[in-house]
Amino acid sequence: MGDATIEAKAGQILVVPAGVPHKYVNSGRARHIDIHTSGRMSTEWLAE
């Protein structure tokens, strides 16, 4: 999230502020739910 790396654990909730670049890597058998408060979502793919 931004310049930080967060290793999420089971049951953890991560909140990323609008406009902050972020990504996730599923390093196992993770299941997740994404909730977006805006009625419209815009994605801009960033180079790694």
C-alpha atoms as a PDB file:
ATOM      1  CA  MET A   1       0.000   0.000   0.000  1.00  0.00           C
ATOM      2  CA  GLY A   2       1.919   3.015  -1.229  1.00  0.00           C
ATOM      3  CA  ASP A   3       5.544   2.357  -0.198  1.00  0.00           C
ATOM      4  CA  ALA A   4       4.531  -0.096   2.562  1.00  0.00           C
ATOM      5  CA  THR A   5       4.293  -3.879   2.351  1.00  0.00           C
ATOM      6  CA  ILE A   6       1.679  -5.452   4.605  1.00  0.00           C
ATOM      7  CA  GLU A   7       1.411  -9.210   5.096  1.00  0.00           C
ATOM      8  CA  ALA A   8      -2.252  -9.680   5.931  1.00  0.00           C
ATOM      9  CA  LYS A   9      -3.367 -12.453   8.276  1.00  0.00           C
ATOM     10  CA  ALA A  10      -6.675 -14.327   8.418  1.00  0.00           C
ATOM     11  CA  GLY A  11      -9.497 -12.044   9.536  1.00  0.00           C
ATOM     12  CA  GLN A  12      -7.511  -8.844   9.000  1.00  0.00           C
ATOM     13  CA  ILE A  13      -9.135  -5.865   7.288  1.00  0.00           C
ATOM     14  CA  LEU A  14      -7.011  -3.484   5.216  1.00  0.00           C
ATOM     15  CA  VAL A  15      -8.290  -0.045   4.253  1.00  0.00           C
ATOM     16  CA  VAL A  16      -6.504   1.791   1.446  1.00  0.00           C
ATOM     17  CA  PRO A  17      -7.334   5.497   1.053  1.00  0.00           C
ATOM     18  CA  ALA A  18      -8.554   6.685  -2.343  1.00  0.00           C
ATOM     19  CA  GLY A  19      -5.715   7.629  -4.688  1.00  0.00           C
ATOM     20  CA  VAL A  20      -3.079   5.483  -2.955  1.00  0.00           C
ATOM     21  CA  PRO A  21      -1.431   2.994  -5.353  1.00  0.00           C
ATOM     22  CA  HIS A  22      -1.868  -0.572  -4.116  1.00  0.00           C
ATOM     23  CA  LYS A  23      -1.822  -4.206  -5.207  1.00  0.00           C
ATOM     24  CA  TYR A  24      -2.127  -7.624  -3.658  1.00  0.00           C
ATOM     25  CA  VAL A  25      -0.333 -10.915  -4.140  1.00  0.00           C
ATOM     26  CA  ASN A  26      -2.144 -14.142  -3.275  1.00  0.00           C
ATOM     27  CA  SER A  27       0.731 -16.193  -1.866  1.00  0.00           C
ATOM     28  CA  GLY A  28      -1.482 -19.101  -0.870  1.00  0.00           C
ATOM     29  CA  ARG A  29      -5.138 -20.004  -0.981  1.00  0.00           C
ATOM     30  CA  ALA A  30      -6.450 -16.631   0.105  1.00  0.00           C
ATOM     31  CA  ARG A  31     -10.039 -15.533  -0.413  1.00  0.00           C
ATOM     32  CA  HIS A  32     -10.914 -11.866  -0.198  1.00  0.00           C
ATOM     33  CA  ILE A  33     -13.766  -9.422  -0.643  1.00  0.00           C
ATOM     34  CA  ASP A  34     -13.163  -5.986  -2.152  1.00  0.00           C
ATOM     35  CA  ILE A  35     -15.580  -3.239  -1.122  1.00  0.00           C
ATOM     36  CA  HIS A  36     -15.518   0.070  -2.970  1.00  0.00           C
ATOM     37  CA  THR A  37     -17.633   2.901  -1.569  1.00  0.00           C
ATOM     38  CA  SER A  38     -17.824   4.710  -4.890  1.00  0.00           C
ATOM     39  CA  GLY A  39     -20.464   3.745  -7.430  1.00  0.00           C
ATOM     40  CA  ARG A  40     -17.733   3.892 -10.075  1.00  0.00           C
ATOM     41  CA  MET A  41     -14.263   2.369 -10.001  1.00  0.00           C
ATOM     42  CA  SER A  42     -11.409   3.445 -12.257  1.00  0.00           C
ATOM     43  CA  THR A  43      -8.292   1.272 -12.638  1.00  0.00           C
ATOM     44  CA  GLU A  44      -4.920   2.531 -13.810  1.00  0.00           C
ATOM     45  CA  TRP A  45      -2.330  -0.229 -14.209  1.00  0.00           C
ATOM     46  CA  LEU A  46       1.079   0.908 -12.961  1.00  0.00           C
ATOM     47  CA  ALA A  47       4.408  -0.472 -14.190  1.00  0.00           C
ATOM     48  CA  GLU A  48       6.346  -2.491 -11.654  1.00  0.00           C
END
